[in-house]
Structures are given as structure tokens and as C-alpha cells.
Amino acid sequence: MLRKICACKKRVRYVNVTRRCAVWGGLVCLFLCSLLHFYVLPGAMAGYNDDCYLSREQLEDMRHLVVTVCQVLEELNQTYWLDYGTLLGAVRMGDVLPHDADVDISRLKLESSAAEWHFGSRFRQRLRDFGIEGNAMMAMYRGATADLFNWDLVVQKAGKSHKPLAMLRYSISTGETFIEGLKYLTANVDLPKSLVLPTTKMTFREKQLRVPRDYRRVLAERYPLTWWVRFPYKWKCWLPWVHPPGPKKLLNMFA
């Protein structure tokens, strides 16, 4: 009888300890998620506090920006490709992701600074012909913005047993860069040339636009943990009460 009482007390003590650990673990997780949601992610991503999904007008503006910028780049005989979230939308939907924040287009830089300057001047003028303000690094149409990534072709040195590797490198400088009075965050990213060039075409809103040769591997490089998972990057968009119920909204949550 005494053994049963002791065993029962041990079980009760174990249950109480387990409950306390679960409560404290839940509180820690809640604190970390709140820290990410209210402080870290809004500071890292400018559009994090925007609405979960783009309005019809915002979608049309971003579509116009994608198609027109690519059209001008082709007109000027530039090597370009859809990148980052815009590439992800093209692969999944042939369209802009309904929860995207901006347009991402990459371009292979020209060999000389004089050719780059000439391109930038013509590019800016042609964009204005379509009602778009911008330069070689950014374009804006109404409320929509496009980040333009300019890549250099470089050759990395290799050891005796390996051949030199051709890479695409996006690198401006360290710290912050100011161009034409606008502040840009800088980056230094390498990508194997063989994944991108020569580019191929993909249908985007009934238009044939350029994408990397091996676009799936490029997406895996960009988003190694999440590119294959269909959900919005804004955590608040996972909550079912954020939007009125409806089959289209439910489908958009996993676009």
C-alpha cells in the first residue's frame, strides 16, 4: 500500500513538472515569436507591416512594372532575368505573388563603365516614356517599386585540381550607398553562372519573359528552406480571421 502511495505521488510530481515546463516553453515561444513579429521582421523587411495581400490596383501596377521594365531591357539588348520573389511568382503562378511586396529583376552589367553610363541614360528615358520613374537600380510606378540587381561576371580562382569557376556577383560596396540622393542597402552575393546563363523564357501574364536557365536551383539558392513551401512570409497572414472566408482567399494563402 505504501509503495502505491509513493508511486502515485511521483506520478503527480512528474505531471506537475511537465505542465510547468510546457507553460514556460509556451511563454518563451510566444516571446520569441512576438519579438520576430513586432521588431525583427518589420526592421528587416520594409513591407512586412503592409496588408497581407495586394489590392487589385496594386497587383496591376506591379504587373505593369514587371512587363514594362523587361520590355525596355530587351529593347536595349540587355541580359536580364526575373529574380527573387518575382521569379517565384512566375514559376508558381505565371504572375505576381498575391502577398509580394515589390518587383525583383536582375541584369548582367556591361563590361565598361562608359557603356553602363550610356545604358543608364537610355534606360531612364525609356522608362519615363511609359510613366515610370527610375534608374539602373530602382524603378517606381505609382505605389509599386522594382529593385534592379546589377550582376558582374567574375572568375573565381581554384586550386590545382579544379578549374576556375565562372560566377555572377552582385556587389556594390560595404555599408550604405547613396545614388542620386536615394539610400540603397548593399549586398555581396555570388551565384554560379551556369545556373543563370544562358537564360530561358517563361510565360508571365501571356508575355514571354526571361528567367534563369536552371530557375529551380536558383530559387533553392535564394530560399533554401522555404522556396518549395507555399505560404505567405508574413506570419499574420496565416491567421484565418485576418480575411473574410472564401475559397479564393484560402487558395491565396498558399500561393
C-alpha atoms as a PDB file:
ATOM      1  CA  MET A   1       0.000   0.000   0.000  1.00  0.00           C
ATOM      2  CA  LEU A   2       2.812   2.394   0.935  1.00  0.00           C
ATOM      3  CA  ARG A   3       4.563   1.668  -2.366  1.00  0.00           C
ATOM      4  CA  LYS A   4       1.407   2.532  -4.308  1.00  0.00           C
ATOM      5  CA  ILE A   5       1.069   5.833  -2.436  1.00  0.00           C
ATOM      6  CA  CYS A   6       4.702   6.730  -3.170  1.00  0.00           C
ATOM      7  CA  ALA A   7       4.331   5.789  -6.832  1.00  0.00           C
ATOM      8  CA  CYS A   8       1.182   7.901  -7.084  1.00  0.00           C
ATOM      9  CA  LYS A   9       2.963  10.900  -5.555  1.00  0.00           C
ATOM     10  CA  LYS A  10       5.830  10.504  -8.024  1.00  0.00           C
ATOM     11  CA  ARG A  11       3.421  10.465 -10.939  1.00  0.00           C
ATOM     12  CA  VAL A  12       1.666  13.603  -9.672  1.00  0.00           C
ATOM     13  CA  ARG A  13       5.026  15.322  -9.203  1.00  0.00           C
ATOM     14  CA  TYR A  14       6.084  14.304 -12.731  1.00  0.00           C
ATOM     15  CA  VAL A  15       2.831  15.624 -14.217  1.00  0.00           C
ATOM     16  CA  ASN A  16       3.215  18.950 -12.384  1.00  0.00           C
ATOM     17  CA  VAL A  17       6.811  19.366 -13.566  1.00  0.00           C
ATOM     18  CA  THR A  18       5.803  18.517 -17.149  1.00  0.00           C
ATOM     19  CA  ARG A  19       2.981  21.065 -17.037  1.00  0.00           C
ATOM     20  CA  ARG A  20       5.289  23.769 -15.726  1.00  0.00           C
ATOM     21  CA  CYS A  21       7.846  23.045 -18.456  1.00  0.00           C
ATOM     22  CA  ALA A  22       5.123  23.180 -21.084  1.00  0.00           C
ATOM     23  CA  VAL A  23       3.820  26.501 -19.753  1.00  0.00           C
ATOM     24  CA  TRP A  24       7.276  28.057 -19.575  1.00  0.00           C
ATOM     25  CA  GLY A  25       8.181  26.670 -23.012  1.00  0.00           C
ATOM     26  CA  GLY A  26       5.000  28.154 -24.459  1.00  0.00           C
ATOM     27  CA  LEU A  27       5.725  31.534 -22.884  1.00  0.00           C
ATOM     28  CA  VAL A  28       9.281  31.533 -24.278  1.00  0.00           C
ATOM     29  CA  CYS A  29       7.997  30.640 -27.768  1.00  0.00           C
ATOM     30  CA  LEU A  30       5.351  33.362 -27.528  1.00  0.00           C
ATOM     31  CA  PHE A  31       8.006  35.901 -26.524  1.00  0.00           C
ATOM     32  CA  LEU A  32      10.340  34.922 -29.391  1.00  0.00           C
ATOM     33  CA  CYS A  33       7.520  34.978 -31.960  1.00  0.00           C
ATOM     34  CA  SER A  34       6.378  38.377 -30.692  1.00  0.00           C
ATOM     35  CA  LEU A  35       9.940  39.681 -30.913  1.00  0.00           C
ATOM     36  CA  LEU A  36      10.203  38.493 -34.515  1.00  0.00           C
ATOM     37  CA  HIS A  37       6.751  39.761 -35.478  1.00  0.00           C
ATOM     38  CA  PHE A  38       6.884  43.213 -33.886  1.00  0.00           C
ATOM     39  CA  TYR A  39      10.584  44.079 -34.080  1.00  0.00           C
ATOM     40  CA  VAL A  40      12.940  41.870 -36.121  1.00  0.00           C
ATOM     41  CA  LEU A  41      10.887  41.172 -39.268  1.00  0.00           C
ATOM     42  CA  PRO A  42       9.466  44.720 -39.657  1.00  0.00           C
ATOM     43  CA  GLY A  43      13.018  46.071 -39.428  1.00  0.00           C
ATOM     44  CA  ALA A  44      14.394  43.554 -41.933  1.00  0.00           C
ATOM     45  CA  MET A  45      11.547  43.744 -44.486  1.00  0.00           C
ATOM     46  CA  ALA A  46      10.071  47.121 -45.356  1.00  0.00           C
ATOM     47  CA  GLY A  47       6.726  45.694 -46.494  1.00  0.00           C
ATOM     48  CA  TYR A  48       6.139  43.409 -43.517  1.00  0.00           C
ATOM     49  CA  ASN A  49       3.552  45.691 -41.901  1.00  0.00           C
ATOM     50  CA  ASP A  50       1.620  46.170 -45.135  1.00  0.00           C
ATOM     51  CA  ASP A  51      -1.672  44.379 -45.752  1.00  0.00           C
ATOM     52  CA  CYS A  52      -1.408  40.625 -46.208  1.00  0.00           C
ATOM     53  CA  TYR A  53      -2.467  40.671 -49.828  1.00  0.00           C
ATOM     54  CA  LEU A  54      -2.136  43.173 -52.629  1.00  0.00           C
ATOM     55  CA  SER A  55      -5.233  45.008 -53.798  1.00  0.00           C
ATOM     56  CA  ARG A  56      -6.348  44.631 -57.421  1.00  0.00           C
ATOM     57  CA  GLU A  57      -4.833  48.033 -58.228  1.00  0.00           C
ATOM     58  CA  GLN A  58      -1.516  47.158 -56.574  1.00  0.00           C
ATOM     59  CA  LEU A  59      -1.371  43.882 -58.492  1.00  0.00           C
ATOM     60  CA  GLU A  60      -1.955  45.673 -61.795  1.00  0.00           C
ATOM     61  CA  ASP A  61       0.734  48.252 -61.002  1.00  0.00           C
ATOM     62  CA  MET A  62       3.285  45.542 -60.194  1.00  0.00           C
ATOM     63  CA  ARG A  63       2.375  43.567 -63.316  1.00  0.00           C
ATOM     64  CA  HIS A  64       2.813  46.696 -65.423  1.00  0.00           C
ATOM     65  CA  LEU A  65       6.191  47.310 -63.800  1.00  0.00           C
ATOM     66  CA  VAL A  66       7.429  43.748 -64.438  1.00  0.00           C
ATOM     67  CA  VAL A  67       6.357  43.614 -68.070  1.00  0.00           C
ATOM     68  CA  THR A  68       7.438  47.146 -68.972  1.00  0.00           C
ATOM     69  CA  VAL A  69      10.877  47.032 -67.327  1.00  0.00           C
ATOM     70  CA  CYS A  70      11.599  43.707 -69.039  1.00  0.00           C
ATOM     71  CA  GLN A  71      10.350  45.109 -72.344  1.00  0.00           C
ATOM     72  CA  VAL A  72      12.701  48.101 -72.075  1.00  0.00           C
ATOM     73  CA  LEU A  73      15.643  45.863 -71.109  1.00  0.00           C
ATOM     74  CA  GLU A  74      15.032  43.674 -74.159  1.00  0.00           C
ATOM     75  CA  GLU A  75      14.719  46.755 -76.340  1.00  0.00           C
ATOM     76  CA  LEU A  76      18.148  47.875 -75.121  1.00  0.00           C
ATOM     77  CA  ASN A  77      19.635  44.399 -75.754  1.00  0.00           C
ATOM     78  CA  GLN A  78      20.319  43.718 -72.088  1.00  0.00           C
ATOM     79  CA  THR A  79      20.764  40.295 -70.493  1.00  0.00           C
ATOM     80  CA  TYR A  80      18.173  40.195 -67.717  1.00  0.00           C
ATOM     81  CA  TRP A  81      16.110  37.678 -65.732  1.00  0.00           C
ATOM     82  CA  LEU A  82      13.311  37.648 -63.180  1.00  0.00           C
ATOM     83  CA  ASP A  83      14.673  37.053 -59.689  1.00  0.00           C
ATOM     84  CA  TYR A  84      13.774  36.503 -56.027  1.00  0.00           C
ATOM     85  CA  GLY A  85      10.029  36.842 -55.276  1.00  0.00           C
ATOM     86  CA  THR A  86       9.130  37.822 -58.837  1.00  0.00           C
ATOM     87  CA  LEU A  87      10.801  34.656 -60.151  1.00  0.00           C
ATOM     88  CA  LEU A  88       8.973  32.634 -57.505  1.00  0.00           C
ATOM     89  CA  GLY A  89       5.650  34.101 -58.644  1.00  0.00           C
ATOM     90  CA  ALA A  90       6.444  33.406 -62.305  1.00  0.00           C
ATOM     91  CA  VAL A  91       7.298  29.761 -61.568  1.00  0.00           C
ATOM     92  CA  ARG A  92       4.296  29.099 -59.325  1.00  0.00           C
ATOM     93  CA  MET A  93       1.570  31.199 -60.921  1.00  0.00           C
ATOM     94  CA  GLY A  94       2.882  32.922 -64.030  1.00  0.00           C
ATOM     95  CA  ASP A  95       2.037  36.124 -62.189  1.00  0.00           C
ATOM     96  CA  VAL A  96       2.931  38.339 -59.230  1.00  0.00           C
ATOM     97  CA  LEU A  97       2.572  36.602 -55.870  1.00  0.00           C
ATOM     98  CA  PRO A  98      -0.551  37.991 -54.148  1.00  0.00           C
ATOM     99  CA  HIS A  99       1.453  38.679 -50.972  1.00  0.00           C
ATOM    100  CA  ASP A 100       4.632  40.067 -52.585  1.00  0.00           C
ATOM    101  CA  ALA A 101       5.988  43.495 -51.648  1.00  0.00           C
ATOM    102  CA  ASP A 102       7.997  44.560 -54.704  1.00  0.00           C
ATOM    103  CA  VAL A 103       9.386  43.518 -58.079  1.00  0.00           C
ATOM    104  CA  ASP A 104      12.837  41.909 -58.430  1.00  0.00           C
ATOM    105  CA  ILE A 105      14.690  41.895 -61.756  1.00  0.00           C
ATOM    106  CA  SER A 106      18.374  41.131 -62.310  1.00  0.00           C
ATOM    107  CA  ARG A 107      20.668  42.222 -65.143  1.00  0.00           C
ATOM    108  CA  LEU A 108      24.175  41.357 -66.302  1.00  0.00           C
ATOM    109  CA  LYS A 109      26.291  44.512 -66.227  1.00  0.00           C
ATOM    110  CA  LEU A 110      28.114  45.702 -69.317  1.00  0.00           C
ATOM    111  CA  GLU A 111      31.889  45.434 -69.475  1.00  0.00           C
ATOM    112  CA  SER A 112      32.830  49.130 -69.466  1.00  0.00           C
ATOM    113  CA  SER A 113      31.714  51.986 -67.230  1.00  0.00           C
ATOM    114  CA  ALA A 114      31.072  54.134 -70.320  1.00  0.00           C
ATOM    115  CA  ALA A 115      28.667  51.530 -71.716  1.00  0.00           C
ATOM    116  CA  GLU A 116      26.956  51.317 -68.319  1.00  0.00           C
ATOM    117  CA  TRP A 117      26.536  55.091 -68.194  1.00  0.00           C
ATOM    118  CA  HIS A 118      25.079  55.149 -71.709  1.00  0.00           C
ATOM    119  CA  PHE A 119      22.692  52.315 -70.835  1.00  0.00           C
ATOM    120  CA  GLY A 120      21.563  54.061 -67.645  1.00  0.00           C
ATOM    121  CA  SER A 121      20.728  57.248 -69.525  1.00  0.00           C
ATOM    122  CA  ARG A 122      18.717  55.494 -72.232  1.00  0.00           C
ATOM    123  CA  PHE A 123      17.049  53.193 -69.719  1.00  0.00           C
ATOM    124  CA  ARG A 124      15.880  56.108 -67.556  1.00  0.00           C
ATOM    125  CA  GLN A 125      14.452  57.923 -70.589  1.00  0.00           C
ATOM    126  CA  ARG A 126      12.594  54.885 -71.929  1.00  0.00           C
ATOM    127  CA  LEU A 127      11.068  54.202 -68.516  1.00  0.00           C
ATOM    128  CA  ARG A 128       9.752  57.769 -68.407  1.00  0.00           C
ATOM    129  CA  ASP A 129       8.096  57.188 -71.780  1.00  0.00           C
ATOM    130  CA  PHE A 130       5.936  54.593 -70.007  1.00  0.00           C
ATOM    131  CA  GLY A 131       5.255  56.749 -66.952  1.00  0.00           C
ATOM    132  CA  ILE A 132       7.861  55.004 -64.783  1.00  0.00           C
ATOM    133  CA  GLU A 133      10.481  56.851 -62.747  1.00  0.00           C
ATOM    134  CA  GLY A 134      13.750  55.131 -62.006  1.00  0.00           C
ATOM    135  CA  ASN A 135      17.365  54.389 -62.777  1.00  0.00           C
ATOM    136  CA  ALA A 136      19.567  51.327 -63.199  1.00  0.00           C
ATOM    137  CA  MET A 137      18.949  50.265 -59.596  1.00  0.00           C
ATOM    138  CA  MET A 138      15.303  51.031 -58.887  1.00  0.00           C
ATOM    139  CA  ALA A 139      12.063  51.764 -60.741  1.00  0.00           C
ATOM    140  CA  MET A 140       8.769  53.153 -59.403  1.00  0.00           C
ATOM    141  CA  TYR A 141       5.273  53.194 -60.885  1.00  0.00           C
ATOM    142  CA  ARG A 142       2.513  54.682 -58.719  1.00  0.00           C
ATOM    143  CA  GLY A 143       2.807  52.725 -55.464  1.00  0.00           C
ATOM    144  CA  ALA A 144       4.807  49.827 -56.904  1.00  0.00           C
ATOM    145  CA  THR A 145       8.596  49.582 -56.764  1.00  0.00           C
ATOM    146  CA  ALA A 146      11.131  47.369 -58.530  1.00  0.00           C
ATOM    147  CA  ASP A 147      14.597  46.510 -57.242  1.00  0.00           C
ATOM    148  CA  LEU A 148      17.055  46.093 -60.116  1.00  0.00           C
ATOM    149  CA  PHE A 149      20.082  43.936 -59.297  1.00  0.00           C
ATOM    150  CA  ASN A 150      23.172  44.504 -61.463  1.00  0.00           C
ATOM    151  CA  TRP A 151      25.499  41.480 -61.618  1.00  0.00           C
ATOM    152  CA  ASP A 152      29.167  41.282 -62.625  1.00  0.00           C
ATOM    153  CA  LEU A 153      30.658  38.252 -64.359  1.00  0.00           C
ATOM    154  CA  VAL A 154      33.733  37.169 -62.401  1.00  0.00           C
ATOM    155  CA  VAL A 155      36.032  34.146 -62.405  1.00  0.00           C
ATOM    156  CA  GLN A 156      36.958  32.661 -59.048  1.00  0.00           C
ATOM    157  CA  LYS A 157      40.417  31.197 -58.646  1.00  0.00           C
ATOM    158  CA  ALA A 158      40.525  27.486 -57.904  1.00  0.00           C
ATOM    159  CA  GLY A 159      43.077  25.004 -56.655  1.00  0.00           C
ATOM    160  CA  LYS A 160      45.352  22.913 -58.847  1.00  0.00           C
ATOM    161  CA  SER A 161      42.815  20.111 -59.168  1.00  0.00           C
ATOM    162  CA  HIS A 162      39.867  22.340 -60.069  1.00  0.00           C
ATOM    163  CA  LYS A 163      39.027  24.591 -62.997  1.00  0.00           C
ATOM    164  CA  PRO A 164      38.250  28.287 -62.400  1.00  0.00           C
ATOM    165  CA  LEU A 165      34.552  28.800 -61.689  1.00  0.00           C
ATOM    166  CA  ALA A 166      32.596  31.493 -63.533  1.00  0.00           C
ATOM    167  CA  MET A 167      30.346  33.336 -61.104  1.00  0.00           C
ATOM    168  CA  LEU A 168      27.794  36.113 -61.163  1.00  0.00           C
ATOM    169  CA  ARG A 169      28.426  38.566 -58.339  1.00  0.00           C
ATOM    170  CA  TYR A 170      26.145  41.287 -57.033  1.00  0.00           C
ATOM    171  CA  SER A 171      28.383  43.668 -55.134  1.00  0.00           C
ATOM    172  CA  ILE A 172      28.220  47.449 -54.759  1.00  0.00           C
ATOM    173  CA  SER A 173      30.222  48.266 -51.651  1.00  0.00           C
ATOM    174  CA  THR A 174      30.155  47.765 -47.923  1.00  0.00           C
ATOM    175  CA  GLY A 175      27.825  49.800 -45.767  1.00  0.00           C
ATOM    176  CA  GLU A 176      25.247  52.116 -47.342  1.00  0.00           C
ATOM    177  CA  THR A 177      25.340  53.562 -50.853  1.00  0.00           C
ATOM    178  CA  PHE A 178      23.732  56.837 -51.909  1.00  0.00           C
ATOM    179  CA  ILE A 179      22.864  57.255 -55.599  1.00  0.00           C
ATOM    180  CA  GLU A 180      21.008  60.285 -56.895  1.00  0.00           C
ATOM    181  CA  GLY A 181      20.022  61.218 -53.344  1.00  0.00           C
ATOM    182  CA  LEU A 182      18.490  57.788 -52.571  1.00  0.00           C
ATOM    183  CA  LYS A 183      19.884  55.385 -49.998  1.00  0.00           C
ATOM    184  CA  TYR A 184      20.394  51.757 -51.041  1.00  0.00           C
ATOM    185  CA  LEU A 185      21.275  48.786 -48.881  1.00  0.00           C
ATOM    186  CA  THR A 186      24.265  46.952 -50.311  1.00  0.00           C
ATOM    187  CA  ALA A 187      24.863  43.250 -50.822  1.00  0.00           C
ATOM    188  CA  ASN A 188      27.560  40.820 -51.840  1.00  0.00           C
ATOM    189  CA  VAL A 189      26.125  37.628 -53.318  1.00  0.00           C
ATOM    190  CA  ASP A 190      27.727  35.023 -55.579  1.00  0.00           C
ATOM    191  CA  LEU A 191      25.786  32.734 -57.909  1.00  0.00           C
ATOM    192  CA  PRO A 192      27.226  30.173 -60.348  1.00  0.00           C
ATOM    193  CA  LYS A 193      26.929  31.449 -63.902  1.00  0.00           C
ATOM    194  CA  SER A 194      25.808  28.021 -65.117  1.00  0.00           C
ATOM    195  CA  LEU A 195      22.577  28.327 -63.104  1.00  0.00           C
ATOM    196  CA  VAL A 196      21.559  31.556 -64.827  1.00  0.00           C
ATOM    197  CA  LEU A 197      23.118  31.854 -68.270  1.00  0.00           C
ATOM    198  CA  PRO A 198      22.031  31.423 -70.929  1.00  0.00           C
ATOM    199  CA  THR A 199      18.602  32.497 -69.751  1.00  0.00           C
ATOM    200  CA  THR A 200      15.401  30.848 -70.913  1.00  0.00           C
ATOM    201  CA  LYS A 201      11.860  32.144 -71.369  1.00  0.00           C
ATOM    202  CA  MET A 202       8.768  31.657 -69.232  1.00  0.00           C
ATOM    203  CA  THR A 203       5.176  32.815 -69.628  1.00  0.00           C
ATOM    204  CA  PHE A 204       4.270  35.692 -67.336  1.00  0.00           C
ATOM    205  CA  ARG A 205       0.806  37.193 -67.888  1.00  0.00           C
ATOM    206  CA  GLU A 206       0.782  35.969 -71.502  1.00  0.00           C
ATOM    207  CA  LYS A 207       4.219  37.542 -72.086  1.00  0.00           C
ATOM    208  CA  GLN A 208       7.458  35.627 -72.646  1.00  0.00           C
ATOM    209  CA  LEU A 209       9.971  36.952 -70.102  1.00  0.00           C
ATOM    210  CA  ARG A 210      13.496  35.837 -69.282  1.00  0.00           C
ATOM    211  CA  VAL A 211      14.277  33.616 -66.281  1.00  0.00           C
ATOM    212  CA  PRO A 212      17.464  31.784 -65.174  1.00  0.00           C
ATOM    213  CA  ARG A 213      18.394  28.650 -67.121  1.00  0.00           C
ATOM    214  CA  ASP A 214      18.018  26.457 -64.028  1.00  0.00           C
ATOM    215  CA  TYR A 215      15.429  28.567 -62.216  1.00  0.00           C
ATOM    216  CA  ARG A 216      14.512  25.886 -59.676  1.00  0.00           C
ATOM    217  CA  ARG A 217      18.087  25.638 -58.407  1.00  0.00           C
ATOM    218  CA  VAL A 218      18.312  29.438 -58.322  1.00  0.00           C
ATOM    219  CA  LEU A 219      15.195  29.527 -56.136  1.00  0.00           C
ATOM    220  CA  ALA A 220      16.753  26.859 -53.922  1.00  0.00           C
ATOM    221  CA  GLU A 221      19.798  29.130 -53.560  1.00  0.00           C
ATOM    222  CA  ARG A 222      17.606  32.136 -52.777  1.00  0.00           C
ATOM    223  CA  TYR A 223      15.234  30.410 -50.343  1.00  0.00           C
ATOM    224  CA  PRO A 224      16.918  27.139 -49.260  1.00  0.00           C
ATOM    225  CA  LEU A 225      14.391  26.366 -46.512  1.00  0.00           C
ATOM    226  CA  THR A 226      11.118  27.734 -47.872  1.00  0.00           C
ATOM    227  CA  TRP A 227      11.104  28.044 -51.687  1.00  0.00           C
ATOM    228  CA  TRP A 228       9.062  24.849 -52.111  1.00  0.00           C
ATOM    229  CA  VAL A 229       6.580  25.679 -49.317  1.00  0.00           C
ATOM    230  CA  ARG A 230       3.514  27.686 -50.362  1.00  0.00           C
ATOM    231  CA  PHE A 231       2.689  30.181 -47.642  1.00  0.00           C
ATOM    232  CA  PRO A 232       2.928  33.957 -47.126  1.00  0.00           C
ATOM    233  CA  TYR A 233       6.114  35.193 -45.484  1.00  0.00           C
ATOM    234  CA  LYS A 234       4.108  37.485 -43.185  1.00  0.00           C
ATOM    235  CA  TRP A 235       3.110  35.499 -40.130  1.00  0.00           C
ATOM    236  CA  LYS A 236      -0.096  37.451 -39.563  1.00  0.00           C
ATOM    237  CA  CYS A 237      -1.350  36.192 -42.939  1.00  0.00           C
ATOM    238  CA  TRP A 238      -1.506  32.635 -41.592  1.00  0.00           C
ATOM    239  CA  LEU A 239      -4.376  33.578 -39.273  1.00  0.00           C
ATOM    240  CA  PRO A 240      -7.778  32.608 -40.738  1.00  0.00           C
ATOM    241  CA  TRP A 241      -9.586  35.622 -39.245  1.00  0.00           C
ATOM    242  CA  VAL A 242      -7.363  38.183 -40.994  1.00  0.00           C
ATOM    243  CA  HIS A 243      -9.545  37.978 -44.114  1.00  0.00           C
ATOM    244  CA  PRO A 244     -13.201  37.163 -44.757  1.00  0.00           C
ATOM    245  CA  PRO A 245     -13.643  33.431 -45.506  1.00  0.00           C
ATOM    246  CA  GLY A 246     -13.777  32.388 -49.123  1.00  0.00           C
ATOM    247  CA  PRO A 247     -12.204  29.738 -51.371  1.00  0.00           C
ATOM    248  CA  LYS A 248     -10.129  32.310 -53.288  1.00  0.00           C
ATOM    249  CA  LYS A 249      -8.640  33.726 -50.061  1.00  0.00           C
ATOM    250  CA  LEU A 250      -7.807  30.228 -48.828  1.00  0.00           C
ATOM    251  CA  LEU A 251      -6.062  29.423 -52.100  1.00  0.00           C
ATOM    252  CA  ASN A 252      -4.126  32.712 -51.984  1.00  0.00           C
ATOM    253  CA  MET A 253      -2.782  31.863 -48.527  1.00  0.00           C
ATOM    254  CA  PHE A 254      -0.770  29.035 -50.079  1.00  0.00           C
ATOM    255  CA  ALA A 255       0.204  30.726 -53.352  1.00  0.00           C
END
